[in-house]
Each structure stands twice: as C-alpha cells, then as structure tokens.
Amino acid sequence: MNTSNPAPLYLGLDTATPFLSFALWSSEKGLLASFSKNIGRDHAKRIMIEIDKLFQASNVLPSQLAGIS
C-alpha cells in the first residue's frame, strides 16, 4: 500500500428496515468492519453511537472516508 496515497475508504449504510446495518470498505483490503442489528425504530437514536464504535474498532477517522453510500 502506498502510505502517501492510501486506498479510498467507504461507509455503506442501510436503514430501510428494522435492522441498522453499515460497513467500512476499502478498495485495497475489502470489508474492514461491519455492524447489523435489529433495533426496531431506534435508528435515529443509535446510528451515530454505533458508527462511532465501528470507527474506533477499525482505527478509522471519519475524515478518512472517500464517500458514504
């Protein structure tokens, strides 16, 4: 990996069902981390908390993301 120009990182989100699901993906390493849990209708209460946990567990900063989908 070229450390001066790291591979792009992406955060994928799905909140269309009772499940809150998201994943961090790298074009170089593939799936880095993911989260999926049936939380009913509490998406708004939990999404930022769970995404922050995912970033911390992966040692990724939000500023490192190339995109969100």
C-alpha atoms as a PDB file:
ATOM      1  CA  MET A   1       0.000   0.000   0.000  1.00  0.00           C
ATOM      2  CA  ASN A   2       1.230   3.459  -0.843  1.00  0.00           C
ATOM      3  CA  THR A   3       1.112   5.307   2.507  1.00  0.00           C
ATOM      4  CA  SER A   4       1.269   8.715   0.849  1.00  0.00           C
ATOM      5  CA  ASN A   5      -1.941   7.923  -1.036  1.00  0.00           C
ATOM      6  CA  PRO A   6      -3.934   5.303   0.926  1.00  0.00           C
ATOM      7  CA  ALA A   7      -6.742   3.333  -0.698  1.00  0.00           C
ATOM      8  CA  PRO A   8     -10.140   5.043  -0.520  1.00  0.00           C
ATOM      9  CA  LEU A   9     -12.418   4.080   2.374  1.00  0.00           C
ATOM     10  CA  TYR A  10     -16.199   3.976   2.102  1.00  0.00           C
ATOM     11  CA  LEU A  11     -19.047   3.724   4.606  1.00  0.00           C
ATOM     12  CA  GLY A  12     -22.139   1.913   3.387  1.00  0.00           C
ATOM     13  CA  LEU A  13     -25.414   2.404   5.300  1.00  0.00           C
ATOM     14  CA  ASP A  14     -28.805   0.680   5.265  1.00  0.00           C
ATOM     15  CA  THR A  15     -31.638   1.926   7.455  1.00  0.00           C
ATOM     16  CA  ALA A  16     -34.622   0.867   5.317  1.00  0.00           C
ATOM     17  CA  THR A  17     -35.703  -1.986   7.608  1.00  0.00           C
ATOM     18  CA  PRO A  18     -35.802  -2.573  11.377  1.00  0.00           C
ATOM     19  CA  PHE A  19     -32.128  -3.534  11.014  1.00  0.00           C
ATOM     20  CA  LEU A  20     -29.457  -0.872  11.322  1.00  0.00           C
ATOM     21  CA  SER A  21     -26.641  -2.047   9.064  1.00  0.00           C
ATOM     22  CA  PHE A  22     -23.421  -0.463   7.882  1.00  0.00           C
ATOM     23  CA  ALA A  23     -19.905  -1.402   6.845  1.00  0.00           C
ATOM     24  CA  LEU A  24     -16.482   0.097   6.213  1.00  0.00           C
ATOM     25  CA  TRP A  25     -14.938  -0.965   2.907  1.00  0.00           C
ATOM     26  CA  SER A  26     -11.526  -0.358   1.369  1.00  0.00           C
ATOM     27  CA  SER A  27     -10.788  -0.776  -2.327  1.00  0.00           C
ATOM     28  CA  GLU A  28      -7.488  -2.377  -1.312  1.00  0.00           C
ATOM     29  CA  LYS A  29      -8.492  -4.582   1.644  1.00  0.00           C
ATOM     30  CA  GLY A  30     -12.211  -5.149   1.055  1.00  0.00           C
ATOM     31  CA  LEU A  31     -14.505  -5.336   4.085  1.00  0.00           C
ATOM     32  CA  LEU A  32     -12.837  -3.812   7.143  1.00  0.00           C
ATOM     33  CA  ALA A  33     -15.714  -3.925   9.631  1.00  0.00           C
ATOM     34  CA  SER A  34     -19.480  -4.211   9.725  1.00  0.00           C
ATOM     35  CA  PHE A  35     -22.466  -3.863  12.036  1.00  0.00           C
ATOM     36  CA  SER A  36     -26.015  -5.173  11.706  1.00  0.00           C
ATOM     37  CA  LYS A  37     -28.627  -5.349  14.438  1.00  0.00           C
ATOM     38  CA  ASN A  38     -32.400  -5.335  14.634  1.00  0.00           C
ATOM     39  CA  ILE A  39     -33.087  -2.132  16.555  1.00  0.00           C
ATOM     40  CA  GLY A  40     -36.685  -1.594  15.524  1.00  0.00           C
ATOM     41  CA  ARG A  41     -37.451   2.081  15.036  1.00  0.00           C
ATOM     42  CA  ASP A  42     -34.497   3.473  17.027  1.00  0.00           C
ATOM     43  CA  HIS A  43     -32.228   4.239  14.069  1.00  0.00           C
ATOM     44  CA  ALA A  44     -32.020   7.964  14.842  1.00  0.00           C
ATOM     45  CA  LYS A  45     -31.056   7.262  18.458  1.00  0.00           C
ATOM     46  CA  ARG A  46     -28.399   4.666  17.676  1.00  0.00           C
ATOM     47  CA  ILE A  47     -26.807   5.367  14.304  1.00  0.00           C
ATOM     48  CA  MET A  48     -24.106   7.825  15.386  1.00  0.00           C
ATOM     49  CA  ILE A  49     -23.236   5.831  18.517  1.00  0.00           C
ATOM     50  CA  GLU A  50     -22.804   2.607  16.548  1.00  0.00           C
ATOM     51  CA  ILE A  51     -20.900   4.247  13.676  1.00  0.00           C
ATOM     52  CA  ASP A  52     -18.517   5.815  16.195  1.00  0.00           C
ATOM     53  CA  LYS A  53     -17.914   2.363  17.734  1.00  0.00           C
ATOM     54  CA  LEU A  54     -17.221   0.967  14.260  1.00  0.00           C
ATOM     55  CA  PHE A  55     -14.694   3.730  13.519  1.00  0.00           C
ATOM     56  CA  GLN A  56     -12.954   3.205  16.865  1.00  0.00           C
ATOM     57  CA  ALA A  57     -12.753  -0.575  16.442  1.00  0.00           C
ATOM     58  CA  SER A  58     -11.315  -0.107  12.936  1.00  0.00           C
ATOM     59  CA  ASN A  59      -8.930   2.742  13.814  1.00  0.00           C
ATOM     60  CA  VAL A  60     -10.557   4.870  11.134  1.00  0.00           C
ATOM     61  CA  LEU A  61     -11.370   8.568  11.349  1.00  0.00           C
ATOM     62  CA  PRO A  62     -14.456   9.990   9.606  1.00  0.00           C
ATOM     63  CA  SER A  63     -12.141  12.367   7.747  1.00  0.00           C
ATOM     64  CA  GLN A  64     -10.502   9.360   6.061  1.00  0.00           C
ATOM     65  CA  LEU A  65     -13.699   8.439   4.191  1.00  0.00           C
ATOM     66  CA  ALA A  66     -13.802   8.986   0.460  1.00  0.00           C
ATOM     67  CA  GLY A  67     -17.554   8.510   0.387  1.00  0.00           C
ATOM     68  CA  ILE A  68     -20.774   7.317   2.005  1.00  0.00           C
ATOM     69  CA  SER A  69     -23.494   5.338   0.304  1.00  0.00           C
END
